Amino acid sequence: HQQVQMSAAHINDLMENWASHPNAANPPFANHADLYATIDATEIGHVPWESFNVSYNGEWNPGDETPWKNKELTVYFRDPREILQIQLANPNFEFEMDLAPKRVF
């Protein structure tokens, strides 16, 4: 298990590297757009997309030109509780989930 946030360019690089490996199967997605389209097309019980905006409101030091501190960013999400309820009610997931507790560091 690994968590990663990857830019569109890095997703494209990953798919190109995967496709170029002589012993690998075809990559699961053609590029980042294909991956995003697949995610958006996944039916999850009509849970709507929601969003909120965030921005840095801490102290600024003179000369600090950190780009993200000067931007308002939009976070998009679907309600995780609703998603989980749909997954738990879906018989396709019956033998696919490990319900044992785990600790993530």
PDB file of N, CA and C in Angstrom:
ATOM      1  N   HIS A   1       0.846  -1.181   0.000  1.00  0.00           N
ATOM      2  CA  HIS A   1       0.000   0.000   0.000  1.00  0.00           C
ATOM      3  C   HIS A   1       0.886   1.237   0.000  1.00  0.00           C
ATOM      4  N   GLN A   2       0.555   2.190  -0.863  1.00  0.00           N
ATOM      5  CA  GLN A   2       1.313   3.437  -0.893  1.00  0.00           C
ATOM      6  C   GLN A   2       0.362   4.555  -1.256  1.00  0.00           C
ATOM      7  N   GLN A   3       0.539   5.706  -0.626  1.00  0.00           N
ATOM      8  CA  GLN A   3      -0.243   6.879  -0.961  1.00  0.00           C
ATOM      9  C   GLN A   3       0.667   7.859  -1.680  1.00  0.00           C
ATOM     10  N   VAL A   4       0.125   8.483  -2.724  1.00  0.00           N
ATOM     11  CA  VAL A   4       0.924   9.444  -3.461  1.00  0.00           C
ATOM     12  C   VAL A   4      -0.011  10.453  -4.129  1.00  0.00           C
ATOM     13  N   GLN A   5       0.432  11.672  -4.184  1.00  0.00           N
ATOM     14  CA  GLN A   5      -0.260  12.681  -4.967  1.00  0.00           C
ATOM     15  C   GLN A   5       0.611  12.923  -6.185  1.00  0.00           C
ATOM     16  N   MET A   6       0.053  12.739  -7.368  1.00  0.00           N
ATOM     17  CA  MET A   6       0.861  12.787  -8.572  1.00  0.00           C
ATOM     18  C   MET A   6       0.273  13.800  -9.553  1.00  0.00           C
ATOM     19  N   SER A   7       1.111  14.624 -10.131  1.00  0.00           N
ATOM     20  CA  SER A   7       0.663  15.598 -11.118  1.00  0.00           C
ATOM     21  C   SER A   7       0.270  14.889 -12.407  1.00  0.00           C
ATOM     22  N   ALA A   8      -0.472  15.592 -13.246  1.00  0.00           N
ATOM     23  CA  ALA A   8      -0.875  15.031 -14.539  1.00  0.00           C
ATOM     24  C   ALA A   8       0.351  14.632 -15.362  1.00  0.00           C
ATOM     25  N   ALA A   9       1.372  15.471 -15.355  1.00  0.00           N
ATOM     26  CA  ALA A   9       2.590  15.157 -16.116  1.00  0.00           C
ATOM     27  C   ALA A   9       3.257  13.892 -15.592  1.00  0.00           C
ATOM     28  N   HIS A  10       3.267  13.706 -14.272  1.00  0.00           N
ATOM     29  CA  HIS A  10       3.879  12.500 -13.705  1.00  0.00           C
ATOM     30  C   HIS A  10       3.054  11.256 -14.004  1.00  0.00           C
ATOM     31  N   ILE A  11       1.723  11.402 -14.032  1.00  0.00           N
ATOM     32  CA  ILE A  11       0.877  10.268 -14.427  1.00  0.00           C
ATOM     33  C   ILE A  11       1.194   9.878 -15.862  1.00  0.00           C
ATOM     34  N   ASN A  12       1.316  10.867 -16.739  1.00  0.00           N
ATOM     35  CA  ASN A  12       1.662  10.579 -18.138  1.00  0.00           C
ATOM     36  C   ASN A  12       3.005   9.870 -18.233  1.00  0.00           C
ATOM     37  N   ASP A  13       3.999  10.358 -17.491  1.00  0.00           N
ATOM     38  CA  ASP A  13       5.322   9.713 -17.487  1.00  0.00           C
ATOM     39  C   ASP A  13       5.230   8.271 -17.008  1.00  0.00           C
ATOM     40  N   LEU A  14       4.465   8.047 -15.947  1.00  0.00           N
ATOM     41  CA  LEU A  14       4.316   6.695 -15.411  1.00  0.00           C
ATOM     42  C   LEU A  14       3.702   5.759 -16.450  1.00  0.00           C
ATOM     43  N   MET A  15       2.655   6.205 -17.131  1.00  0.00           N
ATOM     44  CA  MET A  15       2.007   5.361 -18.140  1.00  0.00           C
ATOM     45  C   MET A  15       2.939   5.113 -19.332  1.00  0.00           C
ATOM     46  N   GLU A  16       3.714   6.127 -19.721  1.00  0.00           N
ATOM     47  CA  GLU A  16       4.675   5.952 -20.819  1.00  0.00           C
ATOM     48  C   GLU A  16       5.779   4.976 -20.424  1.00  0.00           C
ATOM     49  N   ASN A  17       6.282   5.101 -19.201  1.00  0.00           N
ATOM     50  CA  ASN A  17       7.312   4.165 -18.733  1.00  0.00           C
ATOM     51  C   ASN A  17       6.769   2.748 -18.668  1.00  0.00           C
ATOM     52  N   TRP A  18       5.557   2.612 -18.180  1.00  0.00           N
ATOM     53  CA  TRP A  18       4.918   1.296 -18.096  1.00  0.00           C
ATOM     54  C   TRP A  18       4.814   0.684 -19.489  1.00  0.00           C
ATOM     55  N   ALA A  19       4.351   1.479 -20.453  1.00  0.00           N
ATOM     56  CA  ALA A  19       4.167   0.982 -21.821  1.00  0.00           C
ATOM     57  C   ALA A  19       5.489   0.625 -22.480  1.00  0.00           C
ATOM     58  N   SER A  20       6.568   1.284 -22.090  1.00  0.00           N
ATOM     59  CA  SER A  20       7.860   1.039 -22.744  1.00  0.00           C
ATOM     60  C   SER A  20       8.598  -0.172 -22.182  1.00  0.00           C
ATOM     61  N   HIS A  21       8.160  -0.695 -21.053  1.00  0.00           N
ATOM     62  CA  HIS A  21       8.841  -1.845 -20.452  1.00  0.00           C
ATOM     63  C   HIS A  21       8.575  -3.082 -21.300  1.00  0.00           C
ATOM     64  N   PRO A  22       9.618  -3.801 -21.707  1.00  0.00           N
ATOM     65  CA  PRO A  22       9.441  -4.918 -22.636  1.00  0.00           C
ATOM     66  C   PRO A  22       8.612  -6.079 -22.080  1.00  0.00           C
ATOM     67  N   ASN A  23       8.592  -6.283 -20.783  1.00  0.00           N
ATOM     68  CA  ASN A  23       7.876  -7.427 -20.213  1.00  0.00           C
ATOM     69  C   ASN A  23       6.549  -7.057 -19.563  1.00  0.00           C
ATOM     70  N   ALA A  24       6.157  -5.804 -19.658  1.00  0.00           N
ATOM     71  CA  ALA A  24       4.944  -5.356 -18.977  1.00  0.00           C
ATOM     72  C   ALA A  24       3.727  -5.470 -19.884  1.00  0.00           C
ATOM     73  N   ALA A  25       2.589  -5.669 -19.252  1.00  0.00           N
ATOM     74  CA  ALA A  25       1.324  -5.625 -19.980  1.00  0.00           C
ATOM     75  C   ALA A  25       1.032  -4.162 -20.327  1.00  0.00           C
ATOM     76  N   ASN A  26       0.011  -3.950 -21.126  1.00  0.00           N
ATOM     77  CA  ASN A  26      -0.374  -2.583 -21.457  1.00  0.00           C
ATOM     78  C   ASN A  26      -0.723  -1.823 -20.180  1.00  0.00           C
ATOM     79  N   PRO A  27      -0.394  -0.536 -20.130  1.00  0.00           N
ATOM     80  CA  PRO A  27      -0.732   0.243 -18.939  1.00  0.00           C
ATOM     81  C   PRO A  27      -2.254   0.318 -18.778  1.00  0.00           C
ATOM     82  N   PRO A  28      -2.727   0.481 -17.553  1.00  0.00           N
ATOM     83  CA  PRO A  28      -4.173   0.501 -17.330  1.00  0.00           C
ATOM     84  C   PRO A  28      -4.864   1.745 -17.895  1.00  0.00           C
ATOM     85  N   PHE A  29      -4.094   2.814 -18.107  1.00  0.00           N
ATOM     86  CA  PHE A  29      -4.649   4.051 -18.643  1.00  0.00           C
ATOM     87  C   PHE A  29      -3.698   4.603 -19.693  1.00  0.00           C
ATOM     88  N   ALA A  30      -4.248   5.283 -20.686  1.00  0.00           N
ATOM     89  CA  ALA A  30      -3.419   5.849 -21.747  1.00  0.00           C
ATOM     90  C   ALA A  30      -2.618   7.049 -21.241  1.00  0.00           C
ATOM     91  N   ASN A  31      -3.229   7.850 -20.379  1.00  0.00           N
ATOM     92  CA  ASN A  31      -2.598   9.063 -19.857  1.00  0.00           C
ATOM     93  C   ASN A  31      -3.442   9.597 -18.704  1.00  0.00           C
ATOM     94  N   HIS A  32      -3.082  10.774 -18.205  1.00  0.00           N
ATOM     95  CA  HIS A  32      -3.830  11.324 -17.069  1.00  0.00           C
ATOM     96  C   HIS A  32      -5.291  11.593 -17.407  1.00  0.00           C
ATOM     97  N   ALA A  33      -5.565  12.047 -18.624  1.00  0.00           N
ATOM     98  CA  ALA A  33      -6.948  12.343 -19.014  1.00  0.00           C
ATOM     99  C   ALA A  33      -7.799  11.073 -19.006  1.00  0.00           C
ATOM    100  N   ASP A  34      -7.225   9.968 -19.469  1.00  0.00           N
ATOM    101  CA  ASP A  34      -7.927   8.686 -19.464  1.00  0.00           C
ATOM    102  C   ASP A  34      -8.203   8.240 -18.026  1.00  0.00           C
ATOM    103  N   LEU A  35      -7.225   8.399 -17.148  1.00  0.00           N
ATOM    104  CA  LEU A  35      -7.409   8.055 -15.735  1.00  0.00           C
ATOM    105  C   LEU A  35      -8.521   8.897 -15.117  1.00  0.00           C
ATOM    106  N   TYR A  36      -8.473  10.213 -15.331  1.00  0.00           N
ATOM    107  CA  TYR A  36      -9.485  11.102 -14.761  1.00  0.00           C
ATOM    108  C   TYR A  36     -10.878  10.772 -15.301  1.00  0.00           C
ATOM    109  N   ALA A  37     -10.965  10.489 -16.601  1.00  0.00           N
ATOM    110  CA  ALA A  37     -12.259  10.146 -17.206  1.00  0.00           C
ATOM    111  C   ALA A  37     -12.810   8.854 -16.608  1.00  0.00           C
ATOM    112  N   THR A  38     -11.924   7.897 -16.344  1.00  0.00           N
ATOM    113  CA  THR A  38     -12.354   6.638 -15.731  1.00  0.00           C
ATOM    114  C   THR A  38     -12.876   6.878 -14.321  1.00  0.00           C
ATOM    115  N   ILE A  39     -12.175   7.694 -13.561  1.00  0.00           N
ATOM    116  CA  ILE A  39     -12.627   8.017 -12.199  1.00  0.00           C
ATOM    117  C   ILE A  39     -13.986   8.712 -12.247  1.00  0.00           C
ATOM    118  N   ASP A  40     -14.116   9.690 -13.130  1.00  0.00           N
ATOM    119  CA  ASP A  40     -15.371  10.441 -13.216  1.00  0.00           C
ATOM    120  C   ASP A  40     -16.534   9.584 -13.699  1.00  0.00           C
ATOM    121  N   ALA A  41     -16.249   8.564 -14.511  1.00  0.00           N
ATOM    122  CA  ALA A  41     -17.302   7.701 -15.050  1.00  0.00           C
ATOM    123  C   ALA A  41     -17.694   6.581 -14.094  1.00  0.00           C
ATOM    124  N   THR A  42     -16.928   6.415 -13.026  1.00  0.00           N
ATOM    125  CA  THR A  42     -17.227   5.352 -12.071  1.00  0.00           C
ATOM    126  C   THR A  42     -18.514   5.682 -11.332  1.00  0.00           C
ATOM    127  N   GLU A  43     -19.461   4.760 -11.412  1.00  0.00           N
ATOM    128  CA  GLU A  43     -20.737   4.985 -10.745  1.00  0.00           C
ATOM    129  C   GLU A  43     -20.610   4.616  -9.275  1.00  0.00           C
ATOM    130  N   ILE A  44     -20.931   5.566  -8.442  1.00  0.00           N
ATOM    131  CA  ILE A  44     -20.849   5.336  -7.002  1.00  0.00           C
ATOM    132  C   ILE A  44     -22.138   5.786  -6.334  1.00  0.00           C
ATOM    133  N   GLY A  45     -23.245   5.393  -6.932  1.00  0.00           N
ATOM    134  CA  GLY A  45     -24.517   5.685  -6.299  1.00  0.00           C
ATOM    135  C   GLY A  45     -24.926   7.138  -6.354  1.00  0.00           C
ATOM    136  N   HIS A  46     -24.444   7.855  -7.307  1.00  0.00           N
ATOM    137  CA  HIS A  46     -24.847   9.244  -7.526  1.00  0.00           C
ATOM    138  C   HIS A  46     -24.493  10.161  -6.362  1.00  0.00           C
ATOM    139  N   VAL A  47     -23.370   9.911  -5.736  1.00  0.00           N
ATOM    140  CA  VAL A  47     -22.896  10.817  -4.691  1.00  0.00           C
ATOM    141  C   VAL A  47     -22.324  12.044  -5.399  1.00  0.00           C
ATOM    142  N   PRO A  48     -22.856  13.219  -5.130  1.00  0.00           N
ATOM    143  CA  PRO A  48     -22.420  14.400  -5.882  1.00  0.00           C
ATOM    144  C   PRO A  48     -21.031  14.882  -5.466  1.00  0.00           C
ATOM    145  N   TRP A  49     -20.375  15.543  -6.413  1.00  0.00           N
ATOM    146  CA  TRP A  49     -19.118  16.210  -6.105  1.00  0.00           C
ATOM    147  C   TRP A  49     -19.429  17.439  -5.279  1.00  0.00           C
ATOM    148  N   GLU A  50     -18.580  17.720  -4.305  1.00  0.00           N
ATOM    149  CA  GLU A  50     -18.661  18.935  -3.507  1.00  0.00           C
ATOM    150  C   GLU A  50     -17.295  19.606  -3.561  1.00  0.00           C
ATOM    151  N   SER A  51     -17.235  20.844  -3.119  1.00  0.00           N
ATOM    152  CA  SER A  51     -15.941  21.533  -3.110  1.00  0.00           C
ATOM    153  C   SER A  51     -15.925  22.604  -2.027  1.00  0.00           C
ATOM    154  N   PHE A  52     -14.720  22.981  -1.662  1.00  0.00           N
ATOM    155  CA  PHE A  52     -14.517  24.122  -0.775  1.00  0.00           C
ATOM    156  C   PHE A  52     -13.178  24.745  -1.129  1.00  0.00           C
ATOM    157  N   ASN A  53     -13.009  25.995  -0.751  1.00  0.00           N
ATOM    158  CA  ASN A  53     -11.777  26.724  -1.040  1.00  0.00           C
ATOM    159  C   ASN A  53     -10.949  26.875   0.228  1.00  0.00           C
ATOM    160  N   VAL A  54      -9.654  26.798   0.055  1.00  0.00           N
ATOM    161  CA  VAL A  54      -8.728  27.001   1.165  1.00  0.00           C
ATOM    162  C   VAL A  54      -7.641  27.975   0.728  1.00  0.00           C
ATOM    163  N   SER A  55      -7.121  28.679   1.708  1.00  0.00           N
ATOM    164  CA  SER A  55      -5.983  29.561   1.437  1.00  0.00           C
ATOM    165  C   SER A  55      -5.181  29.707   2.722  1.00  0.00           C
ATOM    166  N   TYR A  56      -3.930  30.066   2.558  1.00  0.00           N
ATOM    167  CA  TYR A  56      -3.027  30.247   3.693  1.00  0.00           C
ATOM    168  C   TYR A  56      -3.383  31.536   4.410  1.00  0.00           C
ATOM    169  N   ASN A  57      -3.518  31.472   5.729  1.00  0.00           N
ATOM    170  CA  ASN A  57      -3.800  32.699   6.475  1.00  0.00           C
ATOM    171  C   ASN A  57      -2.844  32.878   7.652  1.00  0.00           C
ATOM    172  N   GLY A  58      -1.682  32.248   7.548  1.00  0.00           N
ATOM    173  CA  GLY A  58      -0.667  32.398   8.585  1.00  0.00           C
ATOM    174  C   GLY A  58       0.179  33.642   8.361  1.00  0.00           C
ATOM    175  N   GLU A  59       1.228  33.747   9.139  1.00  0.00           N
ATOM    176  CA  GLU A  59       2.121  34.904   9.033  1.00  0.00           C
ATOM    177  C   GLU A  59       2.964  34.824   7.767  1.00  0.00           C
ATOM    178  N   TRP A  60       3.220  35.978   7.191  1.00  0.00           N
ATOM    179  CA  TRP A  60       4.099  36.080   6.027  1.00  0.00           C
ATOM    180  C   TRP A  60       5.339  36.849   6.450  1.00  0.00           C
ATOM    181  N   ASN A  61       6.483  36.319   6.104  1.00  0.00           N
ATOM    182  CA  ASN A  61       7.729  37.026   6.359  1.00  0.00           C
ATOM    183  C   ASN A  61       8.063  37.895   5.157  1.00  0.00           C
ATOM    184  N   PRO A  62       8.645  39.053   5.377  1.00  0.00           N
ATOM    185  CA  PRO A  62       9.030  39.900   4.245  1.00  0.00           C
ATOM    186  C   PRO A  62       9.943  39.126   3.288  1.00  0.00           C
ATOM    187  N   GLY A  63       9.653  39.220   2.010  1.00  0.00           N
ATOM    188  CA  GLY A  63      10.458  38.535   1.001  1.00  0.00           C
ATOM    189  C   GLY A  63      10.057  37.087   0.776  1.00  0.00           C
ATOM    190  N   ASP A  64       9.085  36.580   1.533  1.00  0.00           N
ATOM    191  CA  ASP A  64       8.624  35.199   1.351  1.00  0.00           C
ATOM    192  C   ASP A  64       7.807  35.117   0.067  1.00  0.00           C
ATOM    193  N   GLU A  65       8.315  34.382  -0.899  1.00  0.00           N
ATOM    194  CA  GLU A  65       7.637  34.265  -2.187  1.00  0.00           C
ATOM    195  C   GLU A  65       7.134  32.846  -2.424  1.00  0.00           C
ATOM    196  N   THR A  66       6.781  32.150  -1.358  1.00  0.00           N
ATOM    197  CA  THR A  66       6.259  30.798  -1.491  1.00  0.00           C
ATOM    198  C   THR A  66       4.952  30.857  -2.280  1.00  0.00           C
ATOM    199  N   PRO A  67       4.888  30.235  -3.482  1.00  0.00           N
ATOM    200  CA  PRO A  67       3.729  30.413  -4.365  1.00  0.00           C
ATOM    201  C   PRO A  67       2.390  29.976  -3.763  1.00  0.00           C
ATOM    202  N   TRP A  68       2.356  28.855  -3.053  1.00  0.00           N
ATOM    203  CA  TRP A  68       1.071  28.360  -2.557  1.00  0.00           C
ATOM    204  C   TRP A  68       0.475  29.251  -1.480  1.00  0.00           C
ATOM    205  N   LYS A  69       1.305  30.071  -0.842  1.00  0.00           N
ATOM    206  CA  LYS A  69       0.790  30.962   0.199  1.00  0.00           C
ATOM    207  C   LYS A  69      -0.030  32.105  -0.390  1.00  0.00           C
ATOM    208  N   ASN A  70       0.120  32.335  -1.669  1.00  0.00           N
ATOM    209  CA  ASN A  70      -0.534  33.461  -2.322  1.00  0.00           C
ATOM    210  C   ASN A  70      -1.733  33.018  -3.164  1.00  0.00           C
ATOM    211  N   LYS A  71      -2.150  31.743  -3.048  1.00  0.00           N
ATOM    212  CA  LYS A  71      -3.220  31.230  -3.900  1.00  0.00           C
ATOM    213  C   LYS A  71      -4.405  30.755  -3.069  1.00  0.00           C
ATOM    214  N   GLU A  72      -5.568  30.827  -3.686  1.00  0.00           N
ATOM    215  CA  GLU A  72      -6.736  30.157  -3.136  1.00  0.00           C
ATOM    216  C   GLU A  72      -6.896  28.867  -3.929  1.00  0.00           C
ATOM    217  N   LEU A  73      -7.001  27.759  -3.228  1.00  0.00           N
ATOM    218  CA  LEU A  73      -7.088  26.453  -3.869  1.00  0.00           C
ATOM    219  C   LEU A  73      -8.468  25.856  -3.634  1.00  0.00           C
ATOM    220  N   THR A  74      -8.965  25.117  -4.625  1.00  0.00           N
ATOM    221  CA  THR A  74     -10.255  24.450  -4.514  1.00  0.00           C
ATOM    222  C   THR A  74     -10.026  22.968  -4.284  1.00  0.00           C
ATOM    223  N   VAL A  75     -10.672  22.429  -3.267  1.00  0.00           N
ATOM    224  CA  VAL A  75     -10.607  21.005  -2.946  1.00  0.00           C
ATOM    225  C   VAL A  75     -11.931  20.382  -3.376  1.00  0.00           C
ATOM    226  N   TYR A  76     -11.862  19.356  -4.236  1.00  0.00           N
ATOM    227  CA  TYR A  76     -13.050  18.646  -4.701  1.00  0.00           C
ATOM    228  C   TYR A  76     -13.114  17.288  -4.016  1.00  0.00           C
ATOM    229  N   PHE A  77     -14.305  16.862  -3.657  1.00  0.00           N
ATOM    230  CA  PHE A  77     -14.450  15.573  -2.978  1.00  0.00           C
ATOM    231  C   PHE A  77     -15.885  15.076  -3.103  1.00  0.00           C
ATOM    232  N   ARG A  78     -16.050  13.797  -2.842  1.00  0.00           N
ATOM    233  CA  ARG A  78     -17.369  13.194  -2.669  1.00  0.00           C
ATOM    234  C   ARG A  78     -17.444  12.735  -1.223  1.00  0.00           C
ATOM    235  N   ASP A  79     -18.610  12.839  -0.626  1.00  0.00           N
ATOM    236  CA  ASP A  79     -18.772  12.537   0.798  1.00  0.00           C
ATOM    237  C   ASP A  79     -18.296  11.115   1.096  1.00  0.00           C
ATOM    238  N   PRO A  80     -17.207  10.971   1.853  1.00  0.00           N
ATOM    239  CA  PRO A  80     -16.656   9.640   2.107  1.00  0.00           C
ATOM    240  C   PRO A  80     -17.614   8.725   2.866  1.00  0.00           C
ATOM    241  N   ARG A  81     -18.458   9.276   3.725  1.00  0.00           N
ATOM    242  CA  ARG A  81     -19.426   8.432   4.446  1.00  0.00           C
ATOM    243  C   ARG A  81     -20.429   7.815   3.478  1.00  0.00           C
ATOM    244  N   GLU A  82     -20.925   8.631   2.549  1.00  0.00           N
ATOM    245  CA  GLU A  82     -21.877   8.112   1.564  1.00  0.00           C
ATOM    246  C   GLU A  82     -21.214   7.069   0.668  1.00  0.00           C
ATOM    247  N   ILE A  83     -19.976   7.333   0.264  1.00  0.00           N
ATOM    248  CA  ILE A  83     -19.241   6.375  -0.570  1.00  0.00           C
ATOM    249  C   ILE A  83     -19.088   5.052   0.175  1.00  0.00           C
ATOM    250  N   LEU A  84     -18.692   5.110   1.431  1.00  0.00           N
ATOM    251  CA  LEU A  84     -18.493   3.893   2.213  1.00  0.00           C
ATOM    252  C   LEU A  84     -19.800   3.130   2.388  1.00  0.00           C
ATOM    253  N   GLN A  85     -20.891   3.833   2.637  1.00  0.00           N
ATOM    254  CA  GLN A  85     -22.185   3.164   2.773  1.00  0.00           C
ATOM    255  C   GLN A  85     -22.545   2.416   1.493  1.00  0.00           C
ATOM    256  N   ILE A  86     -22.293   3.028   0.361  1.00  0.00           N
ATOM    257  CA  ILE A  86     -22.585   2.387  -0.923  1.00  0.00           C
ATOM    258  C   ILE A  86     -21.689   1.169  -1.128  1.00  0.00           C
ATOM    259  N   GLN A  87     -20.405   1.303  -0.805  1.00  0.00           N
ATOM    260  CA  GLN A  87     -19.490   0.167  -0.955  1.00  0.00           C
ATOM    261  C   GLN A  87     -19.897  -0.992  -0.054  1.00  0.00           C
ATOM    262  N   LEU A  88     -20.233  -0.698   1.196  1.00  0.00           N
ATOM    263  CA  LEU A  88     -20.607  -1.761   2.123  1.00  0.00           C
ATOM    264  C   LEU A  88     -21.904  -2.450   1.710  1.00  0.00           C
ATOM    265  N   ALA A  89     -22.788  -1.728   1.048  1.00  0.00           N
ATOM    266  CA  ALA A  89     -24.048  -2.310   0.591  1.00  0.00           C
ATOM    267  C   ALA A  89     -23.910  -3.047  -0.741  1.00  0.00           C
ATOM    268  N   ASN A  90     -22.777  -2.899  -1.408  1.00  0.00           N
ATOM    269  CA  ASN A  90     -22.574  -3.500  -2.729  1.00  0.00           C
ATOM    270  C   ASN A  90     -22.056  -4.929  -2.581  1.00  0.00           C
ATOM    271  N   PRO A  91     -22.799  -5.929  -3.070  1.00  0.00           N
ATOM    272  CA  PRO A  91     -22.343  -7.318  -2.935  1.00  0.00           C
ATOM    273  C   PRO A  91     -21.055  -7.613  -3.702  1.00  0.00           C
ATOM    274  N   ASN A  92     -20.694  -6.785  -4.666  1.00  0.00           N
ATOM    275  CA  ASN A  92     -19.441  -6.999  -5.407  1.00  0.00           C
ATOM    276  C   ASN A  92     -18.212  -6.825  -4.520  1.00  0.00           C
ATOM    277  N   PHE A  93     -18.368  -6.118  -3.407  1.00  0.00           N
ATOM    278  CA  PHE A  93     -17.248  -5.890  -2.496  1.00  0.00           C
ATOM    279  C   PHE A  93     -17.207  -6.899  -1.349  1.00  0.00           C
ATOM    280  N   GLU A  94     -18.143  -7.837  -1.332  1.00  0.00           N
ATOM    281  CA  GLU A  94     -18.301  -8.730  -0.181  1.00  0.00           C
ATOM    282  C   GLU A  94     -17.008  -9.419   0.233  1.00  0.00           C
ATOM    283  N   PHE A  95     -16.246  -9.925  -0.725  1.00  0.00           N
ATOM    284  CA  PHE A  95     -15.016 -10.647  -0.400  1.00  0.00           C
ATOM    285  C   PHE A  95     -13.768  -9.862  -0.796  1.00  0.00           C
ATOM    286  N   GLU A  96     -13.915  -8.574  -1.019  1.00  0.00           N
ATOM    287  CA  GLU A  96     -12.810  -7.746  -1.503  1.00  0.00           C
ATOM    288  C   GLU A  96     -12.262  -6.792  -0.453  1.00  0.00           C
ATOM    289  N   MET A  97     -12.895  -6.717   0.705  1.00  0.00           N
ATOM    290  CA  MET A  97     -12.461  -5.764   1.723  1.00  0.00           C
ATOM    291  C   MET A  97     -11.894  -6.491   2.933  1.00  0.00           C
ATOM    292  N   ASP A  98     -10.797  -5.973   3.419  1.00  0.00           N
ATOM    293  CA  ASP A  98     -10.210  -6.466   4.657  1.00  0.00           C
ATOM    294  C   ASP A  98     -10.700  -5.543   5.769  1.00  0.00           C
ATOM    295  N   LEU A  99     -11.573  -6.052   6.614  1.00  0.00           N
ATOM    296  CA  LEU A  99     -12.194  -5.221   7.644  1.00  0.00           C
ATOM    297  C   LEU A  99     -11.392  -5.163   8.941  1.00  0.00           C
ATOM    298  N   ALA A 100     -10.215  -5.783   8.939  1.00  0.00           N
ATOM    299  CA  ALA A 100      -9.374  -5.745  10.134  1.00  0.00           C
ATOM    300  C   ALA A 100      -8.838  -4.329  10.334  1.00  0.00           C
ATOM    301  N   PRO A 101      -8.808  -3.866  11.574  1.00  0.00           N
ATOM    302  CA  PRO A 101      -8.275  -2.524  11.814  1.00  0.00           C
ATOM    303  C   PRO A 101      -6.782  -2.465  11.509  1.00  0.00           C
ATOM    304  N   LYS A 102      -6.338  -1.311  11.073  1.00  0.00           N
ATOM    305  CA  LYS A 102      -4.907  -1.114  10.848  1.00  0.00           C
ATOM    306  C   LYS A 102      -4.539   0.285  11.297  1.00  0.00           C
ATOM    307  N   ARG A 103      -3.287   0.453  11.585  1.00  0.00           N
ATOM    308  CA  ARG A 103      -2.778   1.745  12.027  1.00  0.00           C
ATOM    309  C   ARG A 103      -1.864   2.285  10.941  1.00  0.00           C
ATOM    310  N   VAL A 104      -2.143   3.494  10.476  1.00  0.00           N
ATOM    311  CA  VAL A 104      -1.346   4.123   9.426  1.00  0.00           C
ATOM    312  C   VAL A 104      -0.493   5.203  10.068  1.00  0.00           C
ATOM    313  N   PHE A 105       0.820   5.124   9.866  1.00  0.00           N
ATOM    314  CA  PHE A 105       1.741   6.094  10.448  1.00  0.00           C
ATOM    315  C   PHE A 105       2.119   7.129   9.428  1.00  0.00           C
TER     316      PHE A 105
END
